[in-house]
Amino acid sequence: MATANGQPRRILLDTGSAGLRVPKEFLGNAPIQRTGQNIKEVLGDGTILEGRISLC
């Protein structure tokens, strides 16, 4: 998958999740719209994802 016209990157798609989360370094210099909404997701394997929801 490529985001923000960047280089293609491998992603792991979790079919039980809503939306797609990508690390900010995947976005390069793309303009980001910050929503101010913080999230914490705990995946089935115990992995914890924390961050802010942004749109690009």
PDB file of N, CA and C in Angstrom:
ATOM      1  N   MET A   1       0.842  -1.159   0.000  1.00  0.00           N
ATOM      2  CA  MET A   1       0.000   0.000   0.000  1.00  0.00           C
ATOM      3  C   MET A   1       0.890   1.225   0.000  1.00  0.00           C
ATOM      4  N   ALA A   2       0.489   2.259  -0.724  1.00  0.00           N
ATOM      5  CA  ALA A   2       1.199   3.538  -0.698  1.00  0.00           C
ATOM      6  C   ALA A   2       0.253   4.581  -0.120  1.00  0.00           C
ATOM      7  N   THR A   3       0.777   5.424   0.755  1.00  0.00           N
ATOM      8  CA  THR A   3      -0.023   6.508   1.324  1.00  0.00           C
ATOM      9  C   THR A   3       0.618   7.829   0.950  1.00  0.00           C
ATOM     10  N   ALA A   4      -0.186   8.819   0.710  1.00  0.00           N
ATOM     11  CA  ALA A   4       0.282  10.181   0.459  1.00  0.00           C
ATOM     12  C   ALA A   4       1.333  10.230  -0.646  1.00  0.00           C
ATOM     13  N   ASN A   5       1.124   9.450  -1.704  1.00  0.00           N
ATOM     14  CA  ASN A   5       2.038   9.403  -2.844  1.00  0.00           C
ATOM     15  C   ASN A   5       3.444   8.970  -2.462  1.00  0.00           C
ATOM     16  N   GLY A   6       3.574   8.242  -1.366  1.00  0.00           N
ATOM     17  CA  GLY A   6       4.881   7.773  -0.917  1.00  0.00           C
ATOM     18  C   GLY A   6       5.233   6.420  -1.516  1.00  0.00           C
ATOM     19  N   GLN A   7       6.322   5.871  -1.051  1.00  0.00           N
ATOM     20  CA  GLN A   7       6.769   4.555  -1.482  1.00  0.00           C
ATOM     21  C   GLN A   7       5.811   3.498  -0.958  1.00  0.00           C
ATOM     22  N   PRO A   8       5.578   2.433  -1.731  1.00  0.00           N
ATOM     23  CA  PRO A   8       4.718   1.348  -1.230  1.00  0.00           C
ATOM     24  C   PRO A   8       5.296   0.735   0.045  1.00  0.00           C
ATOM     25  N   ARG A   9       4.439   0.421   0.977  1.00  0.00           N
ATOM     26  CA  ARG A   9       4.827  -0.200   2.250  1.00  0.00           C
ATOM     27  C   ARG A   9       3.969  -1.422   2.469  1.00  0.00           C
ATOM     28  N   ARG A  10       4.516  -2.407   3.155  1.00  0.00           N
ATOM     29  CA  ARG A  10       3.740  -3.590   3.521  1.00  0.00           C
ATOM     30  C   ARG A  10       2.841  -3.243   4.704  1.00  0.00           C
ATOM     31  N   ILE A  11       1.626  -3.745   4.695  1.00  0.00           N
ATOM     32  CA  ILE A  11       0.718  -3.554   5.815  1.00  0.00           C
ATOM     33  C   ILE A  11       0.148  -4.906   6.220  1.00  0.00           C
ATOM     34  N   LEU A  12      -0.305  -5.006   7.433  1.00  0.00           N
ATOM     35  CA  LEU A  12      -1.004  -6.178   7.931  1.00  0.00           C
ATOM     36  C   LEU A  12      -2.435  -5.738   8.192  1.00  0.00           C
ATOM     37  N   LEU A  13      -3.369  -6.345   7.493  1.00  0.00           N
ATOM     38  CA  LEU A  13      -4.766  -5.956   7.616  1.00  0.00           C
ATOM     39  C   LEU A  13      -5.467  -6.870   8.606  1.00  0.00           C
ATOM     40  N   ASP A  14      -6.033  -6.278   9.636  1.00  0.00           N
ATOM     41  CA  ASP A  14      -6.796  -7.009  10.642  1.00  0.00           C
ATOM     42  C   ASP A  14      -8.267  -6.859  10.281  1.00  0.00           C
ATOM     43  N   THR A  15      -8.873  -7.908   9.791  1.00  0.00           N
ATOM     44  CA  THR A  15     -10.251  -7.826   9.306  1.00  0.00           C
ATOM     45  C   THR A  15     -11.261  -7.561  10.418  1.00  0.00           C
ATOM     46  N   GLY A  16     -10.849  -7.676  11.672  1.00  0.00           N
ATOM     47  CA  GLY A  16     -11.758  -7.401  12.782  1.00  0.00           C
ATOM     48  C   GLY A  16     -11.722  -5.959  13.241  1.00  0.00           C
ATOM     49  N   SER A  17     -10.884  -5.130  12.611  1.00  0.00           N
ATOM     50  CA  SER A  17     -10.730  -3.741  13.030  1.00  0.00           C
ATOM     51  C   SER A  17     -11.496  -2.804  12.114  1.00  0.00           C
ATOM     52  N   ALA A  18     -11.818  -1.647  12.644  1.00  0.00           N
ATOM     53  CA  ALA A  18     -12.442  -0.596  11.841  1.00  0.00           C
ATOM     54  C   ALA A  18     -11.356   0.403  11.460  1.00  0.00           C
ATOM     55  N   GLY A  19     -11.190   0.647  10.188  1.00  0.00           N
ATOM     56  CA  GLY A  19     -10.198   1.618   9.728  1.00  0.00           C
ATOM     57  C   GLY A  19      -8.826   1.009   9.565  1.00  0.00           C
ATOM     58  N   LEU A  20      -7.883   1.824   9.160  1.00  0.00           N
ATOM     59  CA  LEU A  20      -6.505   1.412   8.935  1.00  0.00           C
ATOM     60  C   LEU A  20      -5.600   2.351   9.712  1.00  0.00           C
ATOM     61  N   ARG A  21      -4.730   1.799  10.502  1.00  0.00           N
ATOM     62  CA  ARG A  21      -3.796   2.617  11.269  1.00  0.00           C
ATOM     63  C   ARG A  21      -2.419   2.466  10.650  1.00  0.00           C
ATOM     64  N   VAL A  22      -1.747   3.593  10.417  1.00  0.00           N
ATOM     65  CA  VAL A  22      -0.399   3.569   9.871  1.00  0.00           C
ATOM     66  C   VAL A  22       0.486   4.462  10.731  1.00  0.00           C
ATOM     67  N   PRO A  23       1.760   4.088  10.893  1.00  0.00           N
ATOM     68  CA  PRO A  23       2.681   4.939  11.646  1.00  0.00           C
ATOM     69  C   PRO A  23       2.897   6.276  10.918  1.00  0.00           C
ATOM     70  N   LYS A  24       3.134   7.338  11.659  1.00  0.00           N
ATOM     71  CA  LYS A  24       3.283   8.660  11.053  1.00  0.00           C
ATOM     72  C   LYS A  24       4.460   8.715  10.085  1.00  0.00           C
ATOM     73  N   GLU A  25       5.494   7.896  10.289  1.00  0.00           N
ATOM     74  CA  GLU A  25       6.630   7.924   9.375  1.00  0.00           C
ATOM     75  C   GLU A  25       6.270   7.389   7.979  1.00  0.00           C
ATOM     76  N   PHE A  26       5.145   6.687   7.856  1.00  0.00           N
ATOM     77  CA  PHE A  26       4.675   6.233   6.544  1.00  0.00           C
ATOM     78  C   PHE A  26       4.152   7.399   5.710  1.00  0.00           C
ATOM     79  N   LEU A  27       3.810   8.512   6.330  1.00  0.00           N
ATOM     80  CA  LEU A  27       3.137   9.600   5.644  1.00  0.00           C
ATOM     81  C   LEU A  27       4.075  10.634   5.043  1.00  0.00           C
ATOM     82  N   GLY A  28       5.356  10.557   5.364  1.00  0.00           N
ATOM     83  CA  GLY A  28       6.318  11.497   4.786  1.00  0.00           C
ATOM     84  C   GLY A  28       5.943  12.932   5.067  1.00  0.00           C
ATOM     85  N   ASN A  29       5.939  13.737   4.013  1.00  0.00           N
ATOM     86  CA  ASN A  29       5.633  15.172   4.153  1.00  0.00           C
ATOM     87  C   ASN A  29       4.193  15.507   3.808  1.00  0.00           C
ATOM     88  N   ALA A  30       3.326  14.511   3.801  1.00  0.00           N
ATOM     89  CA  ALA A  30       1.922  14.751   3.463  1.00  0.00           C
ATOM     90  C   ALA A  30       1.280  15.690   4.482  1.00  0.00           C
ATOM     91  N   PRO A  31       0.393  16.569   4.022  1.00  0.00           N
ATOM     92  CA  PRO A  31      -0.313  17.436   4.970  1.00  0.00           C
ATOM     93  C   PRO A  31      -1.238  16.598   5.863  1.00  0.00           C
ATOM     94  N   ILE A  32      -1.157  16.830   7.140  1.00  0.00           N
ATOM     95  CA  ILE A  32      -1.923  16.061   8.122  1.00  0.00           C
ATOM     96  C   ILE A  32      -2.943  16.974   8.795  1.00  0.00           C
ATOM     97  N   GLN A  33      -4.170  16.505   8.899  1.00  0.00           N
ATOM     98  CA  GLN A  33      -5.207  17.222   9.642  1.00  0.00           C
ATOM     99  C   GLN A  33      -5.408  16.499  10.966  1.00  0.00           C
ATOM    100  N   ARG A  34      -4.993  17.110  12.048  1.00  0.00           N
ATOM    101  CA  ARG A  34      -5.112  16.494  13.370  1.00  0.00           C
ATOM    102  C   ARG A  34      -6.536  16.660  13.901  1.00  0.00           C
ATOM    103  N   THR A  35      -7.086  15.582  14.431  1.00  0.00           N
ATOM    104  CA  THR A  35      -8.452  15.625  14.955  1.00  0.00           C
ATOM    105  C   THR A  35      -8.483  15.914  16.447  1.00  0.00           C
ATOM    106  N   GLY A  36      -7.361  15.728  17.126  1.00  0.00           N
ATOM    107  CA  GLY A  36      -7.329  15.916  18.569  1.00  0.00           C
ATOM    108  C   GLY A  36      -7.885  14.723  19.335  1.00  0.00           C
ATOM    109  N   GLN A  37      -8.276  13.673  18.621  1.00  0.00           N
ATOM    110  CA  GLN A  37      -8.860  12.491  19.258  1.00  0.00           C
ATOM    111  C   GLN A  37      -7.763  11.467  19.543  1.00  0.00           C
ATOM    112  N   ASN A  38      -7.572  11.133  20.812  1.00  0.00           N
ATOM    113  CA  ASN A  38      -6.604  10.118  21.211  1.00  0.00           C
ATOM    114  C   ASN A  38      -7.276   8.753  21.228  1.00  0.00           C
ATOM    115  N   ILE A  39      -6.510   7.723  20.889  1.00  0.00           N
ATOM    116  CA  ILE A  39      -7.057   6.367  20.877  1.00  0.00           C
ATOM    117  C   ILE A  39      -6.120   5.402  21.586  1.00  0.00           C
ATOM    118  N   LYS A  40      -6.691   4.320  22.054  1.00  0.00           N
ATOM    119  CA  LYS A  40      -5.932   3.196  22.574  1.00  0.00           C
ATOM    120  C   LYS A  40      -6.690   1.946  22.143  1.00  0.00           C
ATOM    121  N   GLU A  41      -6.032   1.121  21.335  1.00  0.00           N
ATOM    122  CA  GLU A  41      -6.634  -0.108  20.845  1.00  0.00           C
ATOM    123  C   GLU A  41      -5.824  -1.284  21.379  1.00  0.00           C
ATOM    124  N   VAL A  42      -6.492  -2.323  21.844  1.00  0.00           N
ATOM    125  CA  VAL A  42      -5.830  -3.549  22.272  1.00  0.00           C
ATOM    126  C   VAL A  42      -6.264  -4.645  21.307  1.00  0.00           C
ATOM    127  N   LEU A  43      -5.307  -5.200  20.576  1.00  0.00           N
ATOM    128  CA  LEU A  43      -5.594  -6.245  19.604  1.00  0.00           C
ATOM    129  C   LEU A  43      -5.729  -7.593  20.293  1.00  0.00           C
ATOM    130  N   GLY A  44      -6.269  -8.543  19.571  1.00  0.00           N
ATOM    131  CA  GLY A  44      -6.507  -9.874  20.124  1.00  0.00           C
ATOM    132  C   GLY A  44      -5.264 -10.562  20.650  1.00  0.00           C
ATOM    133  N   ASP A  45      -4.091 -10.238  20.077  1.00  0.00           N
ATOM    134  CA  ASP A  45      -2.850 -10.875  20.521  1.00  0.00           C
ATOM    135  C   ASP A  45      -2.191 -10.119  21.670  1.00  0.00           C
ATOM    136  N   GLY A  46      -2.868  -9.073  22.173  1.00  0.00           N
ATOM    137  CA  GLY A  46      -2.324  -8.302  23.289  1.00  0.00           C
ATOM    138  C   GLY A  46      -1.555  -7.059  22.868  1.00  0.00           C
ATOM    139  N   THR A  47      -1.327  -6.873  21.567  1.00  0.00           N
ATOM    140  CA  THR A  47      -0.640  -5.679  21.078  1.00  0.00           C
ATOM    141  C   THR A  47      -1.469  -4.444  21.408  1.00  0.00           C
ATOM    142  N   ILE A  48      -0.830  -3.412  21.936  1.00  0.00           N
ATOM    143  CA  ILE A  48      -1.504  -2.167  22.286  1.00  0.00           C
ATOM    144  C   ILE A  48      -1.048  -1.076  21.323  1.00  0.00           C
ATOM    145  N   LEU A  49      -2.005  -0.419  20.679  1.00  0.00           N
ATOM    146  CA  LEU A  49      -1.729   0.705  19.799  1.00  0.00           C
ATOM    147  C   LEU A  49      -2.297   1.946  20.445  1.00  0.00           C
ATOM    148  N   GLU A  50      -1.438   2.959  20.626  1.00  0.00           N
ATOM    149  CA  GLU A  50      -1.881   4.234  21.188  1.00  0.00           C
ATOM    150  C   GLU A  50      -1.430   5.347  20.273  1.00  0.00           C
ATOM    151  N   GLY A  51      -2.245   6.366  20.128  1.00  0.00           N
ATOM    152  CA  GLY A  51      -1.875   7.493  19.292  1.00  0.00           C
ATOM    153  C   GLY A  51      -3.011   8.459  19.129  1.00  0.00           C
ATOM    154  N   ARG A  52      -2.878   9.314  18.101  1.00  0.00           N
ATOM    155  CA  ARG A  52      -3.888  10.316  17.812  1.00  0.00           C
ATOM    156  C   ARG A  52      -4.447  10.047  16.422  1.00  0.00           C
ATOM    157  N   ILE A  53      -5.712  10.271  16.246  1.00  0.00           N
ATOM    158  CA  ILE A  53      -6.333  10.106  14.937  1.00  0.00           C
ATOM    159  C   ILE A  53      -6.065  11.367  14.127  1.00  0.00           C
ATOM    160  N   SER A  54      -5.497  11.173  12.946  1.00  0.00           N
ATOM    161  CA  SER A  54      -5.246  12.268  12.004  1.00  0.00           C
ATOM    162  C   SER A  54      -5.735  11.828  10.637  1.00  0.00           C
ATOM    163  N   LEU A  55      -6.020  12.789   9.802  1.00  0.00           N
ATOM    164  CA  LEU A  55      -6.482  12.526   8.443  1.00  0.00           C
ATOM    165  C   LEU A  55      -5.484  13.100   7.459  1.00  0.00           C
ATOM    166  N   CYS A  56      -5.320  12.425   6.343  1.00  0.00           N
ATOM    167  CA  CYS A  56      -4.466  13.004   5.299  1.00  0.00           C
ATOM    168  C   CYS A  56      -5.120  12.826   3.959  1.00  0.00           C
TER     169      CYS A  56
END
